[in-house]
N, C-alpha and C. Protein backbone atom coordinates (compact mmCIF):
# COMPACT_ATOMS: atom_id res chain seq x y z
N UNK A 1 -16.09 2.95 23.32
CA UNK A 1 -16.70 3.16 22.02
C UNK A 1 -17.78 4.24 22.09
N UNK A 2 -18.54 4.24 23.18
CA UNK A 2 -19.64 5.22 23.31
C UNK A 2 -19.08 6.63 23.38
N UNK A 3 -18.04 6.85 24.18
CA UNK A 3 -17.49 8.20 24.31
C UNK A 3 -16.83 8.66 23.01
N UNK A 4 -16.19 7.74 22.28
CA UNK A 4 -15.62 8.09 20.98
C UNK A 4 -16.71 8.53 20.02
N UNK A 5 -17.82 7.80 20.02
CA UNK A 5 -18.94 8.13 19.16
C UNK A 5 -19.50 9.51 19.53
N UNK A 6 -19.70 9.76 20.81
CA UNK A 6 -20.22 11.05 21.26
C UNK A 6 -19.25 12.18 20.93
N UNK A 7 -17.96 11.93 21.08
CA UNK A 7 -16.97 12.96 20.77
C UNK A 7 -16.96 13.28 19.28
N UNK A 8 -17.04 12.25 18.44
CA UNK A 8 -17.09 12.48 16.99
C UNK A 8 -18.35 13.24 16.60
N UNK A 9 -19.46 12.90 17.25
CA UNK A 9 -20.71 13.61 16.99
C UNK A 9 -20.57 15.08 17.36
N UNK A 10 -19.96 15.36 18.50
CA UNK A 10 -19.77 16.74 18.94
C UNK A 10 -18.88 17.51 17.97
N UNK A 11 -17.81 16.88 17.50
CA UNK A 11 -16.93 17.54 16.54
C UNK A 11 -17.66 17.81 15.23
N UNK A 12 -18.47 16.85 14.80
CA UNK A 12 -19.24 17.03 13.57
C UNK A 12 -20.23 18.17 13.71
N UNK A 13 -20.90 18.24 14.84
CA UNK A 13 -21.84 19.32 15.11
C UNK A 13 -21.13 20.67 15.07
N UNK A 14 -19.98 20.74 15.69
CA UNK A 14 -19.21 21.98 15.71
C UNK A 14 -18.82 22.40 14.28
N UNK A 15 -18.39 21.45 13.48
CA UNK A 15 -17.95 21.76 12.12
C UNK A 15 -19.12 22.13 11.21
N UNK A 16 -20.28 21.55 11.44
CA UNK A 16 -21.44 21.83 10.60
C UNK A 16 -22.15 23.13 10.99
N UNK A 17 -21.88 23.60 12.18
CA UNK A 17 -22.57 24.76 12.71
C UNK A 17 -21.79 26.04 12.40
N UNK A 18 -22.52 27.12 12.27
CA UNK A 18 -21.89 28.42 12.12
C UNK A 18 -21.53 29.02 13.48
N UNK A 19 -21.97 28.37 14.55
CA UNK A 19 -21.76 28.88 15.89
C UNK A 19 -20.84 27.96 16.67
N UNK A 20 -20.13 28.55 17.61
CA UNK A 20 -19.31 27.76 18.52
C UNK A 20 -20.20 27.18 19.61
N UNK A 21 -19.84 26.05 20.10
CA UNK A 21 -20.55 25.42 21.20
C UNK A 21 -19.57 25.17 22.35
N UNK A 22 -19.12 26.25 23.02
CA UNK A 22 -18.12 26.06 24.07
C UNK A 22 -18.66 25.26 25.25
N UNK A 23 -19.97 25.27 25.46
CA UNK A 23 -20.56 24.56 26.58
C UNK A 23 -21.02 23.16 26.25
N UNK A 24 -20.70 22.67 25.05
CA UNK A 24 -21.12 21.33 24.66
C UNK A 24 -20.45 20.30 25.56
N UNK A 25 -21.25 19.52 26.25
CA UNK A 25 -20.75 18.56 27.23
C UNK A 25 -21.14 17.16 26.79
N UNK A 26 -20.19 16.24 26.88
CA UNK A 26 -20.47 14.85 26.57
C UNK A 26 -20.97 14.19 27.84
N UNK A 27 -22.16 13.66 27.79
CA UNK A 27 -22.76 13.02 28.94
C UNK A 27 -22.40 11.54 28.92
N UNK A 28 -21.43 11.16 29.75
CA UNK A 28 -20.98 9.77 29.78
C UNK A 28 -22.00 8.84 30.42
N UNK A 29 -23.02 9.42 31.05
CA UNK A 29 -24.04 8.59 31.71
C UNK A 29 -25.19 8.19 30.78
N UNK A 30 -25.20 8.74 29.57
CA UNK A 30 -26.24 8.39 28.62
C UNK A 30 -26.12 6.90 28.29
N UNK A 31 -27.23 6.18 28.24
CA UNK A 31 -27.16 4.75 27.92
C UNK A 31 -26.56 4.51 26.52
N UNK A 32 -25.85 3.42 26.42
CA UNK A 32 -25.18 3.06 25.17
C UNK A 32 -26.16 3.05 23.99
N UNK A 33 -27.30 2.40 24.15
CA UNK A 33 -28.29 2.30 23.07
C UNK A 33 -28.79 3.68 22.67
N UNK A 34 -28.99 4.56 23.64
CA UNK A 34 -29.46 5.92 23.35
C UNK A 34 -28.40 6.68 22.55
N UNK A 35 -27.14 6.53 22.92
CA UNK A 35 -26.06 7.20 22.20
C UNK A 35 -25.97 6.71 20.76
N UNK A 36 -26.04 5.40 20.58
CA UNK A 36 -25.94 4.81 19.24
C UNK A 36 -27.13 5.22 18.38
N UNK A 37 -28.32 5.09 18.92
CA UNK A 37 -29.52 5.43 18.15
C UNK A 37 -29.59 6.91 17.85
N UNK A 38 -29.17 7.74 18.79
CA UNK A 38 -29.14 9.18 18.56
C UNK A 38 -28.14 9.55 17.47
N UNK A 39 -27.00 8.88 17.47
CA UNK A 39 -26.00 9.13 16.43
C UNK A 39 -26.54 8.74 15.06
N UNK A 40 -27.25 7.62 15.00
CA UNK A 40 -27.86 7.18 13.74
C UNK A 40 -28.90 8.20 13.26
N UNK A 41 -29.75 8.62 14.16
CA UNK A 41 -30.84 9.52 13.80
C UNK A 41 -30.35 10.90 13.39
N UNK A 42 -29.21 11.33 13.92
CA UNK A 42 -28.71 12.69 13.65
C UNK A 42 -27.58 12.76 12.65
N UNK A 43 -27.23 11.64 12.07
CA UNK A 43 -26.15 11.62 11.08
C UNK A 43 -26.58 12.40 9.84
N UNK A 44 -25.74 13.33 9.36
CA UNK A 44 -26.12 14.14 8.20
C UNK A 44 -25.94 13.39 6.88
N UNK A 45 -26.77 12.39 6.70
CA UNK A 45 -26.78 11.58 5.47
C UNK A 45 -28.24 11.42 5.06
N UNK A 46 -28.49 10.92 3.84
CA UNK A 46 -29.88 10.71 3.43
C UNK A 46 -30.65 9.83 4.42
N UNK A 47 -31.93 10.10 4.54
CA UNK A 47 -32.79 9.40 5.48
C UNK A 47 -32.79 7.89 5.32
N UNK A 48 -32.69 7.41 4.08
CA UNK A 48 -32.71 5.96 3.90
C UNK A 48 -31.48 5.29 4.51
N UNK A 49 -30.34 6.00 4.54
CA UNK A 49 -29.15 5.44 5.19
C UNK A 49 -29.35 5.40 6.70
N UNK A 50 -29.89 6.48 7.26
CA UNK A 50 -30.17 6.50 8.70
C UNK A 50 -31.14 5.38 9.07
N UNK A 51 -32.17 5.18 8.25
CA UNK A 51 -33.16 4.14 8.52
C UNK A 51 -32.53 2.75 8.48
N UNK A 52 -31.66 2.52 7.49
CA UNK A 52 -30.99 1.21 7.41
C UNK A 52 -30.14 0.96 8.64
N UNK A 53 -29.48 2.00 9.13
CA UNK A 53 -28.68 1.84 10.35
C UNK A 53 -29.57 1.45 11.53
N UNK A 54 -30.69 2.13 11.66
CA UNK A 54 -31.59 1.87 12.79
C UNK A 54 -32.24 0.49 12.72
N UNK A 55 -32.27 -0.10 11.54
CA UNK A 55 -32.86 -1.44 11.38
C UNK A 55 -31.89 -2.57 11.70
N UNK A 56 -30.62 -2.26 11.92
CA UNK A 56 -29.63 -3.28 12.27
C UNK A 56 -29.93 -3.75 13.70
N UNK A 57 -30.20 -5.04 13.86
CA UNK A 57 -30.58 -5.58 15.17
C UNK A 57 -29.44 -5.56 16.17
N UNK A 58 -28.24 -5.90 15.74
CA UNK A 58 -27.10 -5.99 16.64
C UNK A 58 -26.60 -4.57 16.97
N UNK A 59 -26.74 -4.16 18.22
CA UNK A 59 -26.40 -2.80 18.63
C UNK A 59 -24.92 -2.49 18.44
N UNK A 60 -24.05 -3.47 18.70
CA UNK A 60 -22.61 -3.25 18.51
C UNK A 60 -22.27 -3.04 17.04
N UNK A 61 -22.90 -3.80 16.17
CA UNK A 61 -22.68 -3.62 14.72
C UNK A 61 -23.20 -2.26 14.28
N UNK A 62 -24.36 -1.86 14.79
CA UNK A 62 -24.92 -0.54 14.47
C UNK A 62 -23.96 0.56 14.91
N UNK A 63 -23.40 0.40 16.12
CA UNK A 63 -22.45 1.39 16.63
C UNK A 63 -21.21 1.47 15.75
N UNK A 64 -20.69 0.32 15.35
CA UNK A 64 -19.50 0.30 14.50
C UNK A 64 -19.76 1.00 13.17
N UNK A 65 -20.91 0.74 12.58
CA UNK A 65 -21.23 1.35 11.29
C UNK A 65 -21.46 2.85 11.41
N UNK A 66 -22.21 3.27 12.43
CA UNK A 66 -22.46 4.70 12.57
C UNK A 66 -21.17 5.43 12.96
N UNK A 67 -20.32 4.80 13.73
CA UNK A 67 -19.03 5.41 14.07
C UNK A 67 -18.18 5.60 12.83
N UNK A 68 -18.16 4.58 11.99
CA UNK A 68 -17.38 4.66 10.75
C UNK A 68 -17.93 5.76 9.84
N UNK A 69 -19.25 5.82 9.71
CA UNK A 69 -19.86 6.86 8.87
C UNK A 69 -19.64 8.26 9.44
N UNK A 70 -19.76 8.39 10.76
CA UNK A 70 -19.53 9.69 11.39
C UNK A 70 -18.10 10.16 11.14
N UNK A 71 -17.16 9.25 11.29
CA UNK A 71 -15.75 9.59 11.04
C UNK A 71 -15.53 9.97 9.59
N UNK A 72 -16.12 9.22 8.66
CA UNK A 72 -15.96 9.53 7.24
C UNK A 72 -16.55 10.89 6.89
N UNK A 73 -17.74 11.18 7.41
CA UNK A 73 -18.38 12.48 7.13
C UNK A 73 -17.53 13.60 7.71
N UNK A 74 -17.04 13.42 8.94
CA UNK A 74 -16.22 14.45 9.58
C UNK A 74 -14.93 14.67 8.81
N UNK A 75 -14.26 13.59 8.41
CA UNK A 75 -13.01 13.73 7.65
C UNK A 75 -13.26 14.44 6.32
N UNK A 76 -14.34 14.07 5.63
CA UNK A 76 -14.67 14.71 4.36
C UNK A 76 -14.95 16.20 4.55
N UNK A 77 -15.71 16.52 5.58
CA UNK A 77 -16.02 17.92 5.87
C UNK A 77 -14.76 18.71 6.18
N UNK A 78 -13.86 18.14 6.97
CA UNK A 78 -12.62 18.84 7.31
C UNK A 78 -11.74 19.03 6.08
N UNK A 79 -11.72 18.04 5.18
CA UNK A 79 -10.96 18.18 3.94
C UNK A 79 -11.54 19.29 3.07
N UNK A 80 -12.87 19.34 2.98
CA UNK A 80 -13.52 20.41 2.20
C UNK A 80 -13.21 21.78 2.79
N UNK A 81 -13.29 21.89 4.11
CA UNK A 81 -13.01 23.17 4.76
C UNK A 81 -11.56 23.57 4.55
N UNK A 82 -10.64 22.61 4.64
CA UNK A 82 -9.23 22.90 4.45
C UNK A 82 -8.96 23.37 3.03
N UNK A 83 -9.57 22.71 2.04
CA UNK A 83 -9.35 23.12 0.65
C UNK A 83 -9.98 24.47 0.38
N UNK A 84 -11.12 24.76 1.00
CA UNK A 84 -11.76 26.06 0.85
C UNK A 84 -10.91 27.14 1.51
N UNK A 85 -10.38 26.86 2.69
CA UNK A 85 -9.53 27.81 3.39
C UNK A 85 -8.26 28.08 2.60
N UNK A 86 -7.66 27.04 2.03
CA UNK A 86 -6.45 27.22 1.22
C UNK A 86 -6.76 28.04 -0.02
N UNK A 87 -7.90 27.78 -0.62
CA UNK A 87 -8.29 28.54 -1.81
C UNK A 87 -8.48 30.00 -1.51
N UNK A 88 -9.04 30.33 -0.38
CA UNK A 88 -9.26 31.73 -0.03
C UNK A 88 -7.96 32.42 0.32
N UNK A 89 -6.97 31.66 0.83
CA UNK A 89 -5.66 32.24 1.16
C UNK A 89 -4.93 32.62 -0.12
N UNK A 90 -5.08 31.83 -1.17
CA UNK A 90 -4.34 32.05 -2.42
C UNK A 90 -5.07 32.97 -3.39
N UNK A 91 -6.25 33.45 -3.05
CA UNK A 91 -6.99 34.35 -3.93
C UNK A 91 -6.40 35.75 -3.83
N UNK A 92 -6.08 36.36 -4.96
CA UNK A 92 -5.61 37.75 -4.91
C UNK A 92 -6.74 38.70 -4.51
N UNK A 93 -6.38 39.74 -3.80
CA UNK A 93 -7.40 40.72 -3.37
C UNK A 93 -7.69 41.72 -4.43
């Protein structure tokens, strides 16, 4: 679960950034709690949502929720990019 969360975070970072991160490395030695809390703190959602996630006492439940949100944000972003890319392909010059 931790590596999936870190991988989704890395993909989200890549998609949100204007720059490539070819050297982005997933550190599998990072403690589980640090990975989960970092994902919560860096999720690109309103601050009150991040705060609610961090207030969840059960770390596994927090991980499940932040993983689900990270996946949803990433999927939405990829859909937006795909529709934007398709729109630019069909625009006459």
